[in-house]
Amino acid sequence: MGISTPGLINSRTGRAMLSPNLHATDGHSPDKDLARRLNVECTMYQETQALCLGERMYRAPEQFDDFVMLEISTGLGLGVVMDGRLIGGHSGLAGELG
């Protein structure tokens, strides 16, 4: 199961550090909690990074190894894929602008 979570996700600790729209996840690991409760494998990505991964997997037939996804809703986020790889930055915090 995949979870996209708004805000800052520390990839080193696997915890949501700060979610301006979903404070219930602050300091927690929703993916690990769900995996334990549902007995299924689960992973969590920051919402804009998840958007990039979805675009990479299910896009139109054109092949793009480099692209940027700008997400504007209640916040502002940016996901970057270079050479076919999602750019995570220091502790997975790349692209969080809001």
PDB file of N, CA and C in Angstrom:
ATOM      1  N   MET A   1       0.842  -1.149   0.000  1.00  0.00           N
ATOM      2  CA  MET A   1       0.000   0.000   0.000  1.00  0.00           C
ATOM      3  C   MET A   1       0.899   1.228   0.000  1.00  0.00           C
ATOM      4  N   GLY A   2       0.529   2.235  -0.744  1.00  0.00           N
ATOM      5  CA  GLY A   2       1.271   3.484  -0.770  1.00  0.00           C
ATOM      6  C   GLY A   2       0.458   4.604  -0.151  1.00  0.00           C
ATOM      7  N   ILE A   3       1.129   5.469   0.578  1.00  0.00           N
ATOM      8  CA  ILE A   3       0.485   6.617   1.223  1.00  0.00           C
ATOM      9  C   ILE A   3       1.201   7.876   0.770  1.00  0.00           C
ATOM     10  N   SER A   4       0.442   8.870   0.343  1.00  0.00           N
ATOM     11  CA  SER A   4       1.049  10.174   0.084  1.00  0.00           C
ATOM     12  C   SER A   4       0.613  11.092   1.216  1.00  0.00           C
ATOM     13  N   THR A   5       1.589  11.745   1.811  1.00  0.00           N
ATOM     14  CA  THR A   5       1.343  12.585   2.983  1.00  0.00           C
ATOM     15  C   THR A   5       1.826  13.997   2.702  1.00  0.00           C
ATOM     16  N   PRO A   6       1.002  15.012   3.009  1.00  0.00           N
ATOM     17  CA  PRO A   6       1.443  16.394   2.807  1.00  0.00           C
ATOM     18  C   PRO A   6       2.477  16.806   3.852  1.00  0.00           C
ATOM     19  N   GLY A   7       3.295  17.767   3.502  1.00  0.00           N
ATOM     20  CA  GLY A   7       4.254  18.315   4.462  1.00  0.00           C
ATOM     21  C   GLY A   7       5.633  17.714   4.337  1.00  0.00           C
ATOM     22  N   LEU A   8       6.370  17.736   5.429  1.00  0.00           N
ATOM     23  CA  LEU A   8       7.758  17.288   5.454  1.00  0.00           C
ATOM     24  C   LEU A   8       7.855  15.854   5.948  1.00  0.00           C
ATOM     25  N   ILE A   9       8.440  14.985   5.137  1.00  0.00           N
ATOM     26  CA  ILE A   9       8.650  13.583   5.491  1.00  0.00           C
ATOM     27  C   ILE A   9      10.149  13.349   5.540  1.00  0.00           C
ATOM     28  N   ASN A  10      10.662  12.959   6.696  1.00  0.00           N
ATOM     29  CA  ASN A  10      12.080  12.677   6.839  1.00  0.00           C
ATOM     30  C   ASN A  10      12.325  11.240   6.406  1.00  0.00           C
ATOM     31  N   SER A  11      13.002  11.060   5.272  1.00  0.00           N
ATOM     32  CA  SER A  11      13.233   9.717   4.747  1.00  0.00           C
ATOM     33  C   SER A  11      14.206   8.914   5.608  1.00  0.00           C
ATOM     34  N   ARG A  12      15.032   9.585   6.384  1.00  0.00           N
ATOM     35  CA  ARG A  12      15.980   8.864   7.248  1.00  0.00           C
ATOM     36  C   ARG A  12      15.280   8.223   8.444  1.00  0.00           C
ATOM     37  N   THR A  13      14.300   8.929   9.006  1.00  0.00           N
ATOM     38  CA  THR A  13      13.590   8.404  10.179  1.00  0.00           C
ATOM     39  C   THR A  13      12.273   7.747   9.812  1.00  0.00           C
ATOM     40  N   GLY A  14      11.759   8.052   8.592  1.00  0.00           N
ATOM     41  CA  GLY A  14      10.477   7.495   8.181  1.00  0.00           C
ATOM     42  C   GLY A  14       9.302   8.141   8.887  1.00  0.00           C
ATOM     43  N   ARG A  15       9.496   9.348   9.377  1.00  0.00           N
ATOM     44  CA  ARG A  15       8.434  10.046  10.112  1.00  0.00           C
ATOM     45  C   ARG A  15       7.995  11.310   9.387  1.00  0.00           C
ATOM     46  N   ALA A  16       6.715  11.616   9.554  1.00  0.00           N
ATOM     47  CA  ALA A  16       6.199  12.903   9.088  1.00  0.00           C
ATOM     48  C   ALA A  16       6.657  13.939  10.106  1.00  0.00           C
ATOM     49  N   MET A  17       7.439  14.907   9.658  1.00  0.00           N
ATOM     50  CA  MET A  17       7.976  15.900  10.588  1.00  0.00           C
ATOM     51  C   MET A  17       6.959  17.001  10.860  1.00  0.00           C
ATOM     52  N   LEU A  18       6.366  17.523   9.798  1.00  0.00           N
ATOM     53  CA  LEU A  18       5.405  18.609   9.936  1.00  0.00           C
ATOM     54  C   LEU A  18       4.469  18.570   8.745  1.00  0.00           C
ATOM     55  N   SER A  19       3.195  18.470   9.032  1.00  0.00           N
ATOM     56  CA  SER A  19       2.191  18.517   7.978  1.00  0.00           C
ATOM     57  C   SER A  19       1.256  19.680   8.279  1.00  0.00           C
ATOM     58  N   PRO A  20       1.353  20.742   7.498  1.00  0.00           N
ATOM     59  CA  PRO A  20       0.543  21.915   7.778  1.00  0.00           C
ATOM     60  C   PRO A  20      -0.957  21.658   7.636  1.00  0.00           C
ATOM     61  N   ASN A  21      -1.334  20.612   6.904  1.00  0.00           N
ATOM     62  CA  ASN A  21      -2.749  20.324   6.667  1.00  0.00           C
ATOM     63  C   ASN A  21      -3.242  19.074   7.378  1.00  0.00           C
ATOM     64  N   LEU A  22      -2.328  18.327   7.986  1.00  0.00           N
ATOM     65  CA  LEU A  22      -2.701  17.061   8.618  1.00  0.00           C
ATOM     66  C   LEU A  22      -1.821  16.830   9.851  1.00  0.00           C
ATOM     67  N   HIS A  23      -2.000  17.668  10.870  1.00  0.00           N
ATOM     68  CA  HIS A  23      -1.123  17.635  12.050  1.00  0.00           C
ATOM     69  C   HIS A  23      -1.165  16.313  12.819  1.00  0.00           C
ATOM     70  N   ALA A  24      -2.190  15.515  12.601  1.00  0.00           N
ATOM     71  CA  ALA A  24      -2.271  14.223  13.291  1.00  0.00           C
ATOM     72  C   ALA A  24      -1.094  13.320  12.931  1.00  0.00           C
ATOM     73  N   THR A  25      -0.434  13.583  11.794  1.00  0.00           N
ATOM     74  CA  THR A  25       0.700  12.753  11.383  1.00  0.00           C
ATOM     75  C   THR A  25       2.040  13.287  11.888  1.00  0.00           C
ATOM     76  N   ASP A  26       2.080  14.491  12.426  1.00  0.00           N
ATOM     77  CA  ASP A  26       3.340  15.091  12.887  1.00  0.00           C
ATOM     78  C   ASP A  26       4.044  14.169  13.882  1.00  0.00           C
ATOM     79  N   GLY A  27       5.295  13.827  13.568  1.00  0.00           N
ATOM     80  CA  GLY A  27       6.091  12.987  14.458  1.00  0.00           C
ATOM     81  C   GLY A  27       5.759  11.508  14.389  1.00  0.00           C
ATOM     82  N   HIS A  28       4.879  11.121  13.488  1.00  0.00           N
ATOM     83  CA  HIS A  28       4.449   9.718  13.393  1.00  0.00           C
ATOM     84  C   HIS A  28       4.844   9.102  12.062  1.00  0.00           C
ATOM     85  N   SER A  29       4.687   7.798  11.972  1.00  0.00           N
ATOM     86  CA  SER A  29       4.963   7.032  10.756  1.00  0.00           C
ATOM     87  C   SER A  29       3.688   6.298  10.349  1.00  0.00           C
ATOM     88  N   PRO A  30       2.767   6.979   9.653  1.00  0.00           N
ATOM     89  CA  PRO A  30       1.496   6.343   9.286  1.00  0.00           C
ATOM     90  C   PRO A  30       1.668   5.056   8.494  1.00  0.00           C
ATOM     91  N   ASP A  31       2.708   4.972   7.659  1.00  0.00           N
ATOM     92  CA  ASP A  31       2.926   3.755   6.880  1.00  0.00           C
ATOM     93  C   ASP A  31       3.242   2.561   7.782  1.00  0.00           C
ATOM     94  N   LYS A  32       4.060   2.779   8.784  1.00  0.00           N
ATOM     95  CA  LYS A  32       4.404   1.682   9.699  1.00  0.00           C
ATOM     96  C   LYS A  32       3.203   1.288  10.560  1.00  0.00           C
ATOM     97  N   ASP A  33       2.426   2.282  10.977  1.00  0.00           N
ATOM     98  CA  ASP A  33       1.226   1.999  11.773  1.00  0.00           C
ATOM     99  C   ASP A  33       0.225   1.165  10.969  1.00  0.00           C
ATOM    100  N   LEU A  34      -0.023   1.560   9.717  1.00  0.00           N
ATOM    101  CA  LEU A  34      -0.957   0.804   8.878  1.00  0.00           C
ATOM    102  C   LEU A  34      -0.427  -0.585   8.552  1.00  0.00           C
ATOM    103  N   ALA A  35       0.858  -0.693   8.254  1.00  0.00           N
ATOM    104  CA  ALA A  35       1.451  -2.001   7.960  1.00  0.00           C
ATOM    105  C   ALA A  35       1.249  -2.960   9.136  1.00  0.00           C
ATOM    106  N   ARG A  36       1.447  -2.446  10.332  1.00  0.00           N
ATOM    107  CA  ARG A  36       1.283  -3.280  11.528  1.00  0.00           C
ATOM    108  C   ARG A  36      -0.185  -3.674  11.732  1.00  0.00           C
ATOM    109  N   ARG A  37      -1.088  -2.728  11.564  1.00  0.00           N
ATOM    110  CA  ARG A  37      -2.515  -2.999  11.813  1.00  0.00           C
ATOM    111  C   ARG A  37      -3.156  -3.851  10.727  1.00  0.00           C
ATOM    112  N   LEU A  38      -2.769  -3.640   9.463  1.00  0.00           N
ATOM    113  CA  LEU A  38      -3.403  -4.345   8.358  1.00  0.00           C
ATOM    114  C   LEU A  38      -2.617  -5.559   7.881  1.00  0.00           C
ATOM    115  N   ASN A  39      -1.393  -5.713   8.389  1.00  0.00           N
ATOM    116  CA  ASN A  39      -0.521  -6.813   7.998  1.00  0.00           C
ATOM    117  C   ASN A  39      -0.252  -6.814   6.487  1.00  0.00           C
ATOM    118  N   VAL A  40       0.042  -5.618   5.955  1.00  0.00           N
ATOM    119  CA  VAL A  40       0.410  -5.461   4.548  1.00  0.00           C
ATOM    120  C   VAL A  40       1.651  -4.578   4.469  1.00  0.00           C
ATOM    121  N   GLU A  41       2.411  -4.747   3.411  1.00  0.00           N
ATOM    122  CA  GLU A  41       3.563  -3.873   3.200  1.00  0.00           C
ATOM    123  C   GLU A  41       3.055  -2.485   2.834  1.00  0.00           C
ATOM    124  N   CYS A  42       3.674  -1.482   3.401  1.00  0.00           N
ATOM    125  CA  CYS A  42       3.202  -0.113   3.205  1.00  0.00           C
ATOM    126  C   CYS A  42       4.396   0.838   3.118  1.00  0.00           C
ATOM    127  N   THR A  43       4.283   1.851   2.276  1.00  0.00           N
ATOM    128  CA  THR A  43       5.331   2.853   2.149  1.00  0.00           C
ATOM    129  C   THR A  43       4.711   4.238   2.075  1.00  0.00           C
ATOM    130  N   MET A  44       5.449   5.244   2.526  1.00  0.00           N
ATOM    131  CA  MET A  44       4.941   6.609   2.577  1.00  0.00           C
ATOM    132  C   MET A  44       5.880   7.530   1.802  1.00  0.00           C
ATOM    133  N   TYR A  45       5.287   8.416   1.001  1.00  0.00           N
ATOM    134  CA  TYR A  45       6.019   9.440   0.271  1.00  0.00           C
ATOM    135  C   TYR A  45       5.370  10.788   0.516  1.00  0.00           C
ATOM    136  N   GLN A  46       6.166  11.819   0.425  1.00  0.00           N
ATOM    137  CA  GLN A  46       5.631  13.175   0.461  1.00  0.00           C
ATOM    138  C   GLN A  46       4.733  13.321  -0.762  1.00  0.00           C
ATOM    139  N   GLU A  47       3.638  14.066  -0.650  1.00  0.00           N
ATOM    140  CA  GLU A  47       2.614  14.078  -1.689  1.00  0.00           C
ATOM    141  C   GLU A  47       3.131  14.483  -3.074  1.00  0.00           C
ATOM    142  N   THR A  48       4.011  15.462  -3.165  1.00  0.00           N
ATOM    143  CA  THR A  48       4.503  15.883  -4.480  1.00  0.00           C
ATOM    144  C   THR A  48       5.466  14.849  -5.050  1.00  0.00           C
ATOM    145  N   GLN A  49       6.238  14.196  -4.196  1.00  0.00           N
ATOM    146  CA  GLN A  49       7.114  13.126  -4.669  1.00  0.00           C
ATOM    147  C   GLN A  49       6.277  11.944  -5.153  1.00  0.00           C
ATOM    148  N   ALA A  50       5.183  11.649  -4.456  1.00  0.00           N
ATOM    149  CA  ALA A  50       4.281  10.579  -4.895  1.00  0.00           C
ATOM    150  C   ALA A  50       3.666  10.920  -6.250  1.00  0.00           C
ATOM    151  N   LEU A  51       3.326  12.187  -6.452  1.00  0.00           N
ATOM    152  CA  LEU A  51       2.794  12.638  -7.737  1.00  0.00           C
ATOM    153  C   LEU A  51       3.818  12.399  -8.847  1.00  0.00           C
ATOM    154  N   CYS A  52       5.072  12.698  -8.579  1.00  0.00           N
ATOM    155  CA  CYS A  52       6.140  12.459  -9.565  1.00  0.00           C
ATOM    156  C   CYS A  52       6.278  10.970  -9.882  1.00  0.00           C
ATOM    157  N   LEU A  53       6.243  10.134  -8.862  1.00  0.00           N
ATOM    158  CA  LEU A  53       6.370   8.696  -9.092  1.00  0.00           C
ATOM    159  C   LEU A  53       5.197   8.169  -9.915  1.00  0.00           C
ATOM    160  N   GLY A  54       3.995   8.664  -9.639  1.00  0.00           N
ATOM    161  CA  GLY A  54       2.829   8.271 -10.421  1.00  0.00           C
ATOM    162  C   GLY A  54       2.947   8.712 -11.867  1.00  0.00           C
ATOM    163  N   GLU A  55       3.400   9.928 -12.077  1.00  0.00           N
ATOM    164  CA  GLU A  55       3.593  10.438 -13.434  1.00  0.00           C
ATOM    165  C   GLU A  55       4.645   9.608 -14.163  1.00  0.00           C
ATOM    166  N   ARG A  56       5.685   9.251 -13.456  1.00  0.00           N
ATOM    167  CA  ARG A  56       6.765   8.455 -14.056  1.00  0.00           C
ATOM    168  C   ARG A  56       6.252   7.080 -14.494  1.00  0.00           C
ATOM    169  N   MET A  57       5.372   6.491 -13.699  1.00  0.00           N
ATOM    170  CA  MET A  57       4.877   5.145 -13.995  1.00  0.00           C
ATOM    171  C   MET A  57       3.737   5.124 -15.012  1.00  0.00           C
ATOM    172  N   TYR A  58       2.823   6.105 -14.949  1.00  0.00           N
ATOM    173  CA  TYR A  58       1.576   6.007 -15.709  1.00  0.00           C
ATOM    174  C   TYR A  58       1.358   7.132 -16.712  1.00  0.00           C
ATOM    175  N   ARG A  59       2.402   7.794 -17.107  1.00  0.00           N
ATOM    176  CA  ARG A  59       2.275   8.919 -18.032  1.00  0.00           C
ATOM    177  C   ARG A  59       1.988   8.449 -19.460  1.00  0.00           C
ATOM    178  N   ALA A  60       1.883   9.439 -20.343  1.00  0.00           N
ATOM    179  CA  ALA A  60       1.716   9.156 -21.763  1.00  0.00           C
ATOM    180  C   ALA A  60       2.926   8.383 -22.277  1.00  0.00           C
ATOM    181  N   PRO A  61       2.849   7.833 -23.483  1.00  0.00           N
ATOM    182  CA  PRO A  61       3.935   6.983 -23.990  1.00  0.00           C
ATOM    183  C   PRO A  61       5.287   7.674 -24.159  1.00  0.00           C
ATOM    184  N   GLU A  62       5.331   9.015 -24.179  1.00  0.00           N
ATOM    185  CA  GLU A  62       6.619   9.691 -24.333  1.00  0.00           C
ATOM    186  C   GLU A  62       7.524   9.378 -23.149  1.00  0.00           C
ATOM    187  N   GLN A  63       8.777   9.230 -23.436  1.00  0.00           N
ATOM    188  CA  GLN A  63       9.745   8.954 -22.379  1.00  0.00           C
ATOM    189  C   GLN A  63      10.403  10.253 -21.940  1.00  0.00           C
ATOM    190  N   PHE A  64      10.245  10.607 -20.695  1.00  0.00           N
ATOM    191  CA  PHE A  64      10.909  11.769 -20.127  1.00  0.00           C
ATOM    192  C   PHE A  64      11.737  11.309 -18.943  1.00  0.00           C
ATOM    193  N   ASP A  65      13.034  11.494 -19.031  1.00  0.00           N
ATOM    194  CA  ASP A  65      13.894  11.142 -17.902  1.00  0.00           C
ATOM    195  C   ASP A  65      14.081  12.313 -16.959  1.00  0.00           C
ATOM    196  N   ASP A  66      13.762  13.517 -17.428  1.00  0.00           N
ATOM    197  CA  ASP A  66      13.899  14.726 -16.618  1.00  0.00           C
ATOM    198  C   ASP A  66      12.582  15.500 -16.673  1.00  0.00           C
ATOM    199  N   PHE A  67      11.985  15.745 -15.516  1.00  0.00           N
ATOM    200  CA  PHE A  67      10.801  16.587 -15.471  1.00  0.00           C
ATOM    201  C   PHE A  67      10.583  17.117 -14.063  1.00  0.00           C
ATOM    202  N   VAL A  68       9.755  18.139 -13.985  1.00  0.00           N
ATOM    203  CA  VAL A  68       9.425  18.792 -12.714  1.00  0.00           C
ATOM    204  C   VAL A  68       7.914  18.835 -12.584  1.00  0.00           C
ATOM    205  N   MET A  69       7.400  18.535 -11.402  1.00  0.00           N
ATOM    206  CA  MET A  69       5.971  18.647 -11.113  1.00  0.00           C
ATOM    207  C   MET A  69       5.809  19.729 -10.053  1.00  0.00           C
ATOM    208  N   LEU A  70       5.047  20.755 -10.379  1.00  0.00           N
ATOM    209  CA  LEU A  70       4.737  21.817  -9.436  1.00  0.00           C
ATOM    210  C   LEU A  70       3.316  21.608  -8.961  1.00  0.00           C
ATOM    211  N   GLU A  71       3.131  21.507  -7.662  1.00  0.00           N
ATOM    212  CA  GLU A  71       1.819  21.261  -7.071  1.00  0.00           C
ATOM    213  C   GLU A  71       1.402  22.501  -6.298  1.00  0.00           C
ATOM    214  N   ILE A  72       0.242  23.047  -6.669  1.00  0.00           N
ATOM    215  CA  ILE A  72      -0.283  24.219  -5.986  1.00  0.00           C
ATOM    216  C   ILE A  72      -1.695  23.893  -5.524  1.00  0.00           C
ATOM    217  N   SER A  73      -1.897  23.871  -4.223  1.00  0.00           N
ATOM    218  CA  SER A  73      -3.238  23.656  -3.658  1.00  0.00           C
ATOM    219  C   SER A  73      -3.286  24.445  -2.356  1.00  0.00           C
ATOM    220  N   THR A  74      -3.419  23.768  -1.240  1.00  0.00           N
ATOM    221  CA  THR A  74      -3.376  24.487   0.040  1.00  0.00           C
ATOM    222  C   THR A  74      -1.956  24.854   0.417  1.00  0.00           C
ATOM    223  N   GLY A  75      -0.993  24.307  -0.301  1.00  0.00           N
ATOM    224  CA  GLY A  75       0.422  24.619  -0.113  1.00  0.00           C
ATOM    225  C   GLY A  75       1.090  24.658  -1.467  1.00  0.00           C
ATOM    226  N   LEU A  76       2.392  24.661  -1.447  1.00  0.00           N
ATOM    227  CA  LEU A  76       3.165  24.704  -2.678  1.00  0.00           C
ATOM    228  C   LEU A  76       4.275  23.672  -2.575  1.00  0.00           C
ATOM    229  N   GLY A  77       4.342  22.773  -3.529  1.00  0.00           N
ATOM    230  CA  GLY A  77       5.362  21.739  -3.501  1.00  0.00           C
ATOM    231  C   GLY A  77       5.967  21.536  -4.869  1.00  0.00           C
ATOM    232  N   LEU A  78       7.122  20.917  -4.901  1.00  0.00           N
ATOM    233  CA  LEU A  78       7.837  20.697  -6.141  1.00  0.00           C
ATOM    234  C   LEU A  78       8.489  19.327  -6.093  1.00  0.00           C
ATOM    235  N   GLY A  79       8.273  18.542  -7.128  1.00  0.00           N
ATOM    236  CA  GLY A  79       8.934  17.255  -7.262  1.00  0.00           C
ATOM    237  C   GLY A  79       9.813  17.279  -8.491  1.00  0.00           C
ATOM    238  N   VAL A  80      10.995  16.700  -8.394  1.00  0.00           N
ATOM    239  CA  VAL A  80      11.954  16.727  -9.498  1.00  0.00           C
ATOM    240  C   VAL A  80      12.425  15.305  -9.791  1.00  0.00           C
ATOM    241  N   VAL A  81      12.393  14.948 -11.071  1.00  0.00           N
ATOM    242  CA  VAL A  81      12.958  13.686 -11.538  1.00  0.00           C
ATOM    243  C   VAL A  81      14.066  14.032 -12.525  1.00  0.00           C
ATOM    244  N   MET A  82      15.264  13.547 -12.240  1.00  0.00           N
ATOM    245  CA  MET A  82      16.418  13.765 -13.125  1.00  0.00           C
ATOM    246  C   MET A  82      17.035  12.416 -13.450  1.00  0.00           C
ATOM    247  N   ASP A  83      17.334  12.227 -14.720  1.00  0.00           N
ATOM    248  CA  ASP A  83      17.890  10.956 -15.185  1.00  0.00           C
ATOM    249  C   ASP A  83      17.026   9.777 -14.748  1.00  0.00           C
ATOM    250  N   GLY A  84      15.705   9.999 -14.698  1.00  0.00           N
ATOM    251  CA  GLY A  84      14.779   8.933 -14.338  1.00  0.00           C
ATOM    252  C   GLY A  84      14.689   8.632 -12.861  1.00  0.00           C
ATOM    253  N   ARG A  85      15.341   9.432 -12.020  1.00  0.00           N
ATOM    254  CA  ARG A  85      15.350   9.177 -10.570  1.00  0.00           C
ATOM    255  C   ARG A  85      14.738  10.345  -9.818  1.00  0.00           C
ATOM    256  N   LEU A  86      13.928  10.032  -8.839  1.00  0.00           N
ATOM    257  CA  LEU A  86      13.325  11.039  -7.986  1.00  0.00           C
ATOM    258  C   LEU A  86      14.391  11.674  -7.114  1.00  0.00           C
ATOM    259  N   ILE A  87      14.462  12.998  -7.114  1.00  0.00           N
ATOM    260  CA  ILE A  87      15.447  13.710  -6.299  1.00  0.00           C
ATOM    261  C   ILE A  87      14.852  13.910  -4.915  1.00  0.00           C
ATOM    262  N   GLY A  88      15.502  13.350  -3.915  1.00  0.00           N
ATOM    263  CA  GLY A  88      14.993  13.426  -2.545  1.00  0.00           C
ATOM    264  C   GLY A  88      15.661  14.500  -1.711  1.00  0.00           C
ATOM    265  N   GLY A  89      16.906  14.829  -2.034  1.00  0.00           N
ATOM    266  CA  GLY A  89      17.624  15.829  -1.244  1.00  0.00           C
ATOM    267  C   GLY A  89      18.009  15.304   0.126  1.00  0.00           C
ATOM    268  N   HIS A  90      18.457  16.210   0.982  1.00  0.00           N
ATOM    269  CA  HIS A  90      18.882  15.844   2.335  1.00  0.00           C
ATOM    270  C   HIS A  90      17.689  15.328   3.137  1.00  0.00           C
ATOM    271  N   SER A  91      17.731  14.090   3.546  1.00  0.00           N
ATOM    272  CA  SER A  91      16.690  13.446   4.350  1.00  0.00           C
ATOM    273  C   SER A  91      15.323  13.420   3.664  1.00  0.00           C
ATOM    274  N   GLY A  92      15.297  13.525   2.326  1.00  0.00           N
ATOM    275  CA  GLY A  92      14.030  13.463   1.598  1.00  0.00           C
ATOM    276  C   GLY A  92      13.247  14.754   1.601  1.00  0.00           C
ATOM    277  N   LEU A  93      13.882  15.865   1.919  1.00  0.00           N
ATOM    278  CA  LEU A  93      13.172  17.123   2.067  1.00  0.00           C
ATOM    279  C   LEU A  93      13.274  18.032   0.849  1.00  0.00           C
ATOM    280  N   ALA A  94      13.762  17.541  -0.276  1.00  0.00           N
ATOM    281  CA  ALA A  94      13.876  18.363  -1.476  1.00  0.00           C
ATOM    282  C   ALA A  94      12.497  18.747  -2.004  1.00  0.00           C
ATOM    283  N   GLY A  95      12.356  19.979  -2.467  1.00  0.00           N
ATOM    284  CA  GLY A  95      11.140  20.402  -3.136  1.00  0.00           C
ATOM    285  C   GLY A  95      10.030  20.914  -2.250  1.00  0.00           C
ATOM    286  N   GLU A  96      10.181  20.875  -0.956  1.00  0.00           N
ATOM    287  CA  GLU A  96       9.121  21.382  -0.081  1.00  0.00           C
ATOM    288  C   GLU A  96       9.259  22.895   0.021  1.00  0.00           C
ATOM    289  N   LEU A  97       8.314  23.580  -0.568  1.00  0.00           N
ATOM    290  CA  LEU A  97       8.381  25.031  -0.641  1.00  0.00           C
ATOM    291  C   LEU A  97       7.380  25.725   0.270  1.00  0.00           C
ATOM    292  N   GLY A  98       6.318  25.028   0.624  1.00  0.00           N
ATOM    293  CA  GLY A  98       5.221  25.670   1.351  1.00  0.00           C
ATOM    294  C   GLY A  98       5.324  25.562   2.840  1.00  0.00           C
TER     295      GLY A  98
END
